[in-house]
């Protein structure tokens, strides 16, 4: 079996071939590859579809578990359609990957009768329908790259008002996973929430996109979760449920942002290495060791919230409802004046900062 690197090269060559025969498409290159697959960037030049300028093709390697992960990701992303803090599936007209002569199972193609001489038995340049998905293009890289750029630029800490907005994006994504069919609107009955957990939520699986025209993203980009290949739903029983596990994970992301560090110390809650901290008149144990004692200049309310998200006992973590309420209040009421007009809390500085960091070349 070919190595991941060789399979990624094969994917690149294959997609370049497929998307070079039609002037609607312009193959831009491979943007990433990991353990289970690779991703390529395609430009789309259809004047009748001005809503789509670029898209990504993600393909599974020929490895054990890779196709299952792709099938799983497609199923969850179909459920999560319409939730804007989650990467979206895209339907492309005249998609060469749906041409029966290019697939192993033409029964899965929408209109096989429209293609002459289907060639399902050939092994040359063949792609199985379960081996790929097409995703929206998200413009500004990963949170890991964002933090690296901040470190290269010598930034000791990020503005509080940026941190609150990024936190709100992550909470919106958690709401989406809890109620996939409700467009990031929380339902009153928490018992109706799904057990969906991302199960691979870290800095490289969060992308920064162009800001929507709304209050929550006036000065910062939108964050979107990607890579649902390991996602799943499991009953909580006596352990943490999917919602509580997702909350722990976004706490880890926020801890990294606060520390301007991409090092990940904990993959899951660990009671033995947790430290104590006091919040709301009680003492709990948290895995947010890097922000205890609290770093100077960072909003204490934000720090305490992140520490509770990373509580080693899942019963001590905040609910999604309380998280959403607190973050939304902070985003809408904590202006630069709240932070004594600190220069880095100004709208213009924050807007300029994220744009600068997302164009900073890697070291």
Protein backbone atom coordinates (compact mmCIF):
# COMPACT_ATOMS: atom_id res chain seq x y z
CA UNK A 1 0.00 0.00 0.00
CA UNK A 2 1.29 3.44 -0.96
CA UNK A 3 2.36 5.88 1.76
CA UNK A 4 0.12 8.79 2.75
CA UNK A 5 2.47 11.18 0.96
CA UNK A 6 2.33 9.14 -2.26
CA UNK A 7 -1.47 8.86 -2.05
CA UNK A 8 -1.73 12.62 -1.50
CA UNK A 9 0.35 13.15 -4.65
CA UNK A 10 -1.91 10.74 -6.54
CA UNK A 11 -4.98 12.65 -5.34
CA UNK A 12 -3.47 15.91 -6.53
CA UNK A 13 -2.71 14.49 -9.98
CA UNK A 14 -6.11 12.83 -10.27
CA UNK A 15 -8.08 15.94 -9.33
CA UNK A 16 -5.96 18.12 -11.57
CA UNK A 17 -6.84 15.79 -14.45
CA UNK A 18 -10.56 15.71 -13.60
CA UNK A 19 -10.93 19.46 -13.16
CA UNK A 20 -8.79 20.52 -16.13
CA UNK A 21 -11.11 19.34 -18.89
CA UNK A 22 -13.88 21.85 -18.14
CA UNK A 23 -13.22 25.63 -18.37
CA UNK A 24 -15.61 26.16 -15.45
CA UNK A 25 -12.92 24.81 -13.13
CA UNK A 26 -9.40 25.90 -12.34
CA UNK A 27 -7.31 23.54 -10.21
CA UNK A 28 -5.36 25.61 -7.65
CA UNK A 29 -3.40 22.91 -5.86
CA UNK A 30 -3.33 20.76 -2.77
CA UNK A 31 -3.77 22.65 0.50
CA UNK A 32 -3.46 19.89 3.10
CA UNK A 33 -3.12 16.19 3.76
CA UNK A 34 -3.31 14.20 6.97
CA UNK A 35 -3.61 10.65 8.25
CA UNK A 36 -6.80 9.75 6.40
CA UNK A 37 -6.94 11.95 3.32
CA UNK A 38 -6.03 15.08 1.40
CA UNK A 39 -7.71 18.33 0.39
CA UNK A 40 -7.39 20.32 -2.84
CA UNK A 41 -8.51 23.84 -3.77
CA UNK A 42 -10.55 24.37 -6.95
CA UNK A 43 -11.71 27.70 -8.39
CA UNK A 44 -15.16 27.80 -9.96
CA UNK A 45 -15.92 30.07 -12.92
CA UNK A 46 -19.64 29.70 -13.55
CA UNK A 47 -21.31 33.10 -14.11
CA UNK A 48 -24.66 31.56 -13.17
CA UNK A 49 -23.35 30.57 -9.72
CA UNK A 50 -21.88 33.77 -8.31
CA UNK A 51 -22.36 32.38 -4.79
CA UNK A 52 -19.49 29.92 -5.35
CA UNK A 53 -16.04 31.19 -6.33
CA UNK A 54 -13.87 28.50 -4.73
CA UNK A 55 -14.38 25.11 -3.13
CA UNK A 56 -12.43 22.24 -1.61
CA UNK A 57 -12.37 18.58 -2.58
CA UNK A 58 -11.53 16.29 0.30
CA UNK A 59 -10.56 12.71 -0.61
CA UNK A 60 -10.00 9.64 1.54
CA UNK A 61 -6.81 7.60 1.33
CA UNK A 62 -6.90 3.90 0.62
CA UNK A 63 -6.35 3.06 4.28
CA UNK A 64 -8.31 1.11 6.86
CA UNK A 65 -10.96 3.35 8.36
CA UNK A 66 -10.45 6.23 5.91
CA UNK A 67 -13.57 5.61 3.83
CA UNK A 68 -15.64 5.04 6.98
CA UNK A 69 -14.41 8.39 8.30
CA UNK A 70 -15.38 10.09 5.03
CA UNK A 71 -18.84 8.53 5.07
CA UNK A 72 -19.26 9.57 8.70
CA UNK A 73 -18.16 13.12 7.95
CA UNK A 74 -20.57 13.43 5.04
CA UNK A 75 -23.47 12.16 7.16
CA UNK A 76 -22.80 14.60 10.01
CA UNK A 77 -22.21 17.55 7.70
CA UNK A 78 -25.52 16.81 5.98
CA UNK A 79 -27.20 16.96 9.38
CA UNK A 80 -25.35 20.17 10.21
CA UNK A 81 -26.28 21.99 7.00
CA UNK A 82 -27.31 25.57 7.63
CA UNK A 83 -25.19 25.98 10.76
CA UNK A 84 -22.78 28.70 9.79
CA UNK A 85 -20.09 27.93 12.40
CA UNK A 86 -19.61 24.51 10.82
CA UNK A 87 -18.04 23.99 7.39
CA UNK A 88 -20.73 23.43 4.77
CA UNK A 89 -21.08 20.85 2.03
CA UNK A 90 -21.31 22.32 -1.48
CA UNK A 91 -23.14 20.99 -4.53
CA UNK A 92 -21.30 21.73 -7.78
CA UNK A 93 -23.06 21.45 -11.15
CA UNK A 94 -21.19 19.41 -13.76
CA UNK A 95 -19.02 17.88 -11.09
CA UNK A 96 -16.57 15.54 -12.87
CA UNK A 97 -16.42 13.33 -9.78
CA UNK A 98 -20.06 12.42 -10.45
CA UNK A 99 -19.42 11.46 -14.06
CA UNK A 100 -20.15 7.70 -14.33
CA UNK A 101 -16.99 7.07 -16.33
CA UNK A 102 -15.01 8.30 -13.35
CA UNK A 103 -16.67 6.32 -10.55
CA UNK A 104 -16.62 2.69 -9.50
CA UNK A 105 -20.34 2.45 -8.83
CA UNK A 106 -22.39 4.33 -11.46
CA UNK A 107 -25.64 3.46 -9.62
CA UNK A 108 -24.78 6.29 -7.20
CA UNK A 109 -24.59 8.91 -9.95
CA UNK A 110 -27.54 11.27 -10.34
CA UNK A 111 -27.95 11.08 -14.13
CA UNK A 112 -25.87 8.26 -15.61
CA UNK A 113 -28.02 8.28 -18.77
CA UNK A 114 -26.57 11.69 -19.68
CA UNK A 115 -23.05 10.35 -20.03
CA UNK A 116 -22.01 8.31 -23.02
CA UNK A 117 -19.89 5.20 -22.67
CA UNK A 118 -19.70 4.91 -18.86
CA UNK A 119 -16.61 3.01 -17.86
CA UNK A 120 -17.25 1.56 -14.36
CA UNK A 121 -14.81 -1.34 -14.81
CA UNK A 122 -11.67 0.63 -15.64
CA UNK A 123 -9.10 1.06 -12.91
CA UNK A 124 -7.60 4.20 -14.51
CA UNK A 125 -8.45 7.53 -12.83
CA UNK A 126 -11.38 6.03 -10.93
CA UNK A 127 -12.92 7.45 -7.76
CA UNK A 128 -15.50 5.75 -5.59
CA UNK A 129 -18.46 7.98 -4.61
CA UNK A 130 -17.83 7.34 -0.91
CA UNK A 131 -14.24 8.57 -1.12
CA UNK A 132 -14.81 12.32 -1.46
CA UNK A 133 -16.81 15.31 -0.34
CA UNK A 134 -16.95 18.89 -1.62
CA UNK A 135 -16.74 21.68 0.95
CA UNK A 136 -16.99 25.44 0.99
CA UNK A 137 -13.76 27.40 0.73
CA UNK A 138 -12.85 29.16 4.00
CA UNK A 139 -10.49 32.02 3.44
CA UNK A 140 -8.13 32.68 6.31
CA UNK A 141 -6.43 29.51 7.53
CA UNK A 142 -6.54 27.62 10.82
CA UNK A 143 -6.46 28.87 14.39
CA UNK A 144 -3.11 27.09 14.75
CA UNK A 145 -1.71 29.23 11.94
CA UNK A 146 -3.28 32.33 13.50
CA UNK A 147 -1.53 31.68 16.82
CA UNK A 148 1.77 30.95 15.07
CA UNK A 149 1.48 34.25 13.20
CA UNK A 150 0.82 36.06 16.49
CA UNK A 151 3.95 34.52 18.00
CA UNK A 152 6.04 35.42 14.93
CA UNK A 153 4.74 38.99 15.23
CA UNK A 154 5.76 39.16 18.88
CA UNK A 155 2.24 39.63 20.22
CA UNK A 156 2.23 38.73 23.95
CA UNK A 157 -1.55 38.57 24.29
CA UNK A 158 -4.65 38.92 22.14
CA UNK A 159 -7.31 41.57 22.79
CA UNK A 160 -10.05 40.57 25.22
CA UNK A 161 -12.73 41.66 22.78
CA UNK A 162 -11.31 39.36 20.10
CA UNK A 163 -11.14 36.49 22.60
CA UNK A 164 -14.78 36.95 23.62
CA UNK A 165 -15.87 36.92 19.98
CA UNK A 166 -13.87 33.81 19.16
CA UNK A 167 -15.33 32.15 22.25
CA UNK A 168 -18.85 33.03 21.10
CA UNK A 169 -18.15 31.45 17.69
CA UNK A 170 -17.03 28.23 19.38
CA UNK A 171 -20.11 28.21 21.60
CA UNK A 172 -22.34 28.69 18.55
CA UNK A 173 -20.65 25.65 16.99
CA UNK A 174 -21.40 23.64 20.16
CA UNK A 175 -25.04 24.73 19.98
CA UNK A 176 -25.08 23.51 16.37
CA UNK A 177 -23.80 20.08 17.42
CA UNK A 178 -26.32 19.90 20.27
CA UNK A 179 -29.27 20.76 17.99
CA UNK A 180 -28.09 20.14 14.39
CA UNK A 181 -31.45 20.96 12.81
CA UNK A 182 -32.06 24.24 14.64
CA UNK A 183 -29.65 26.68 12.92
CA UNK A 184 -27.61 27.41 16.07
CA UNK A 185 -30.67 28.38 18.07
CA UNK A 186 -30.80 26.70 21.46
CA UNK A 187 -33.94 24.76 22.32
CA UNK A 188 -35.52 25.26 25.72
CA UNK A 189 -35.38 21.60 26.70
CA UNK A 190 -31.77 20.52 27.14
CA UNK A 191 -32.95 16.90 27.28
CA UNK A 192 -33.66 17.14 23.54
CA UNK A 193 -29.99 17.82 22.75
CA UNK A 194 -28.10 15.29 20.69
CA UNK A 195 -25.07 13.40 22.04
CA UNK A 196 -22.98 14.53 19.10
CA UNK A 197 -19.36 15.27 19.94
CA UNK A 198 -16.76 16.40 17.46
CA UNK A 199 -14.08 14.18 19.01
CA UNK A 200 -11.20 15.93 17.24
CA UNK A 201 -11.75 19.57 18.14
CA UNK A 202 -8.41 21.38 18.17
CA UNK A 203 -6.68 24.41 16.67
CA UNK A 204 -6.01 22.82 13.27
CA UNK A 205 -9.66 21.85 12.87
CA UNK A 206 -10.99 25.38 13.29
CA UNK A 207 -10.82 27.75 10.32
CA UNK A 208 -11.19 31.52 10.11
CA UNK A 209 -13.62 32.77 7.48
CA UNK A 210 -14.73 36.11 6.08
CA UNK A 211 -16.87 37.96 8.66
CA UNK A 212 -20.64 37.89 8.05
CA UNK A 213 -22.44 41.23 8.18
CA UNK A 214 -23.71 41.05 11.74
CA UNK A 215 -23.02 42.38 15.23
CA UNK A 216 -21.12 39.30 16.42
CA UNK A 217 -18.56 39.53 13.61
CA UNK A 218 -18.20 43.26 13.06
CA UNK A 219 -14.49 43.30 13.95
CA UNK A 220 -13.44 39.64 13.85
CA UNK A 221 -13.69 36.71 11.40
CA UNK A 222 -16.12 33.86 11.82
CA UNK A 223 -14.74 30.57 13.15
CA UNK A 224 -15.89 27.30 11.57
CA UNK A 225 -15.36 23.71 12.71
CA UNK A 226 -14.04 21.25 10.15
CA UNK A 227 -13.14 17.55 9.99
CA UNK A 228 -16.02 15.51 11.42
CA UNK A 229 -14.47 12.17 10.43
CA UNK A 230 -14.11 11.09 14.08
CA UNK A 231 -17.41 12.57 15.28
CA UNK A 232 -19.95 10.35 16.97
CA UNK A 233 -22.83 10.04 19.38
CA UNK A 234 -22.56 8.06 22.57
CA UNK A 235 -24.93 7.84 25.54
CA UNK A 236 -23.48 9.63 28.58
CA UNK A 237 -24.40 7.07 31.24
CA UNK A 238 -22.30 8.13 34.28
CA UNK A 239 -19.70 9.96 32.22
CA UNK A 240 -19.73 13.30 30.41
CA UNK A 241 -22.19 13.67 27.56
CA UNK A 242 -21.31 14.95 24.09
CA UNK A 243 -22.17 18.53 24.99
CA UNK A 244 -19.94 18.51 28.08
CA UNK A 245 -17.06 16.98 26.11
CA UNK A 246 -17.37 19.64 23.41
CA UNK A 247 -17.36 22.34 26.11
CA UNK A 248 -14.11 20.95 27.53
CA UNK A 249 -12.58 21.02 24.04
CA UNK A 250 -13.51 24.63 23.32
CA UNK A 251 -12.08 25.49 26.73
CA UNK A 252 -8.75 24.03 25.57
CA UNK A 253 -8.92 26.11 22.40
CA UNK A 254 -9.58 29.27 24.40
CA UNK A 255 -6.73 28.46 26.80
CA UNK A 256 -4.37 28.23 23.82
CA UNK A 257 -5.61 31.56 22.45
CA UNK A 258 -5.22 33.26 25.83
CA UNK A 259 -1.66 31.95 26.14
CA UNK A 260 -0.86 32.58 22.45
CA UNK A 261 0.44 29.02 22.39
CA UNK A 262 -0.52 26.08 20.21
CA UNK A 263 0.91 23.47 22.57
CA UNK A 264 -1.82 21.08 23.66
CA UNK A 265 -1.19 19.74 27.15
CA UNK A 266 -4.40 17.77 27.68
CA UNK A 267 -6.37 15.68 25.26
CA UNK A 268 -9.08 15.02 27.84
CA UNK A 269 -10.01 15.86 31.42
CA UNK A 270 -7.52 14.50 33.94
CA UNK A 271 -8.37 14.60 37.63
CA UNK A 272 -4.86 13.70 38.77
CA UNK A 273 -3.13 16.63 37.08
CA UNK A 274 -5.93 19.17 37.64
CA UNK A 275 -5.34 22.20 39.85
CA UNK A 276 -7.72 23.96 42.20
CA UNK A 277 -9.18 27.39 41.65
CA UNK A 278 -11.93 29.39 43.29
CA UNK A 279 -14.99 30.56 41.41
CA UNK A 280 -18.35 31.76 42.63
CA UNK A 281 -17.48 31.05 46.25
CA UNK A 282 -16.52 27.43 45.63
CA UNK A 283 -13.35 25.58 44.81
CA UNK A 284 -13.21 23.30 41.78
CA UNK A 285 -10.43 21.47 39.95
CA UNK A 286 -9.54 22.41 36.40
CA UNK A 287 -7.12 21.29 33.71
CA UNK A 288 -6.59 24.91 32.60
CA UNK A 289 -3.22 24.97 34.35
CA UNK A 290 -1.64 27.45 31.96
CA UNK A 291 -3.97 30.26 33.00
CA UNK A 292 -3.63 29.69 36.76
CA UNK A 293 -2.51 31.99 38.21
CA UNK A 294 -4.41 34.28 35.87
CA UNK A 295 -2.27 36.11 33.31
CA UNK A 296 -2.25 39.90 33.56
CA UNK A 297 -4.41 41.94 31.22
CA UNK A 298 -6.91 39.19 30.43
CA UNK A 299 -10.52 39.67 31.51
CA UNK A 300 -10.97 37.77 34.79
CA UNK A 301 -14.54 36.77 33.85
CA UNK A 302 -13.25 35.22 30.64
CA UNK A 303 -10.48 33.37 32.47
CA UNK A 304 -12.86 31.95 35.07
CA UNK A 305 -15.26 30.83 32.35
CA UNK A 306 -12.50 29.00 30.48
CA UNK A 307 -11.33 27.36 33.71
CA UNK A 308 -14.82 26.05 34.40
CA UNK A 309 -15.13 24.75 30.84
CA UNK A 310 -12.00 22.71 31.54
CA UNK A 311 -13.19 21.47 34.93
CA UNK A 312 -11.94 17.92 35.44
CA UNK A 313 -15.37 16.94 36.81
CA UNK A 314 -17.87 17.36 33.98
CA UNK A 315 -20.58 18.22 36.49
CA UNK A 316 -18.70 21.45 37.28
CA UNK A 317 -18.67 22.66 33.67
CA UNK A 318 -21.10 25.41 32.68
CA UNK A 319 -24.16 24.69 30.58
CA UNK A 320 -24.28 25.79 26.97
CA UNK A 321 -27.12 28.13 27.86
CA UNK A 322 -25.09 29.95 30.54
CA UNK A 323 -22.04 30.07 28.26
CA UNK A 324 -24.04 31.57 25.42
CA UNK A 325 -25.70 34.13 27.65
CA UNK A 326 -22.42 35.25 29.26
CA UNK A 327 -20.44 35.47 26.02
CA UNK A 328 -23.21 37.22 24.11
CA UNK A 329 -23.48 39.81 26.88
CA UNK A 330 -19.72 40.38 26.86
CA UNK A 331 -19.59 40.74 23.06
CA UNK A 332 -22.46 43.23 22.96
CA UNK A 333 -21.59 45.33 26.03
CA UNK A 334 -17.82 45.26 26.62
CA UNK A 335 -16.52 48.04 24.42
CA UNK A 336 -13.02 49.49 24.43
CA UNK A 337 -14.26 51.84 27.16
CA UNK A 338 -14.91 48.84 29.42
CA UNK A 339 -11.18 48.08 29.17
CA UNK A 340 -10.17 51.68 29.95
CA UNK A 341 -9.73 52.45 26.26
CA UNK A 342 -6.72 50.17 26.03
CA UNK A 343 -5.33 50.61 22.52
CA UNK A 344 -5.50 46.91 21.66
CA UNK A 345 -9.22 46.81 22.54
CA UNK A 346 -10.18 49.38 19.90
CA UNK A 347 -12.30 48.22 16.94
CA UNK A 348 -9.77 49.44 14.38
CA UNK A 349 -6.84 47.69 16.07
CA UNK A 350 -8.68 44.35 16.37
CA UNK A 351 -9.92 44.46 12.78
CA UNK A 352 -6.45 45.29 11.51
CA UNK A 353 -4.81 42.69 13.77
CA UNK A 354 -6.69 39.62 12.54
CA UNK A 355 -6.27 40.65 8.90
CA UNK A 356 -2.56 41.15 9.43
CA UNK A 357 -2.13 37.81 11.23
CA UNK A 358 -3.99 35.86 8.56
CA UNK A 359 -1.60 37.20 5.91
CA UNK A 360 1.61 36.72 7.93
CA UNK A 361 3.83 34.17 6.13
CA UNK A 362 4.89 31.10 8.10
CA UNK A 363 8.38 31.09 9.60
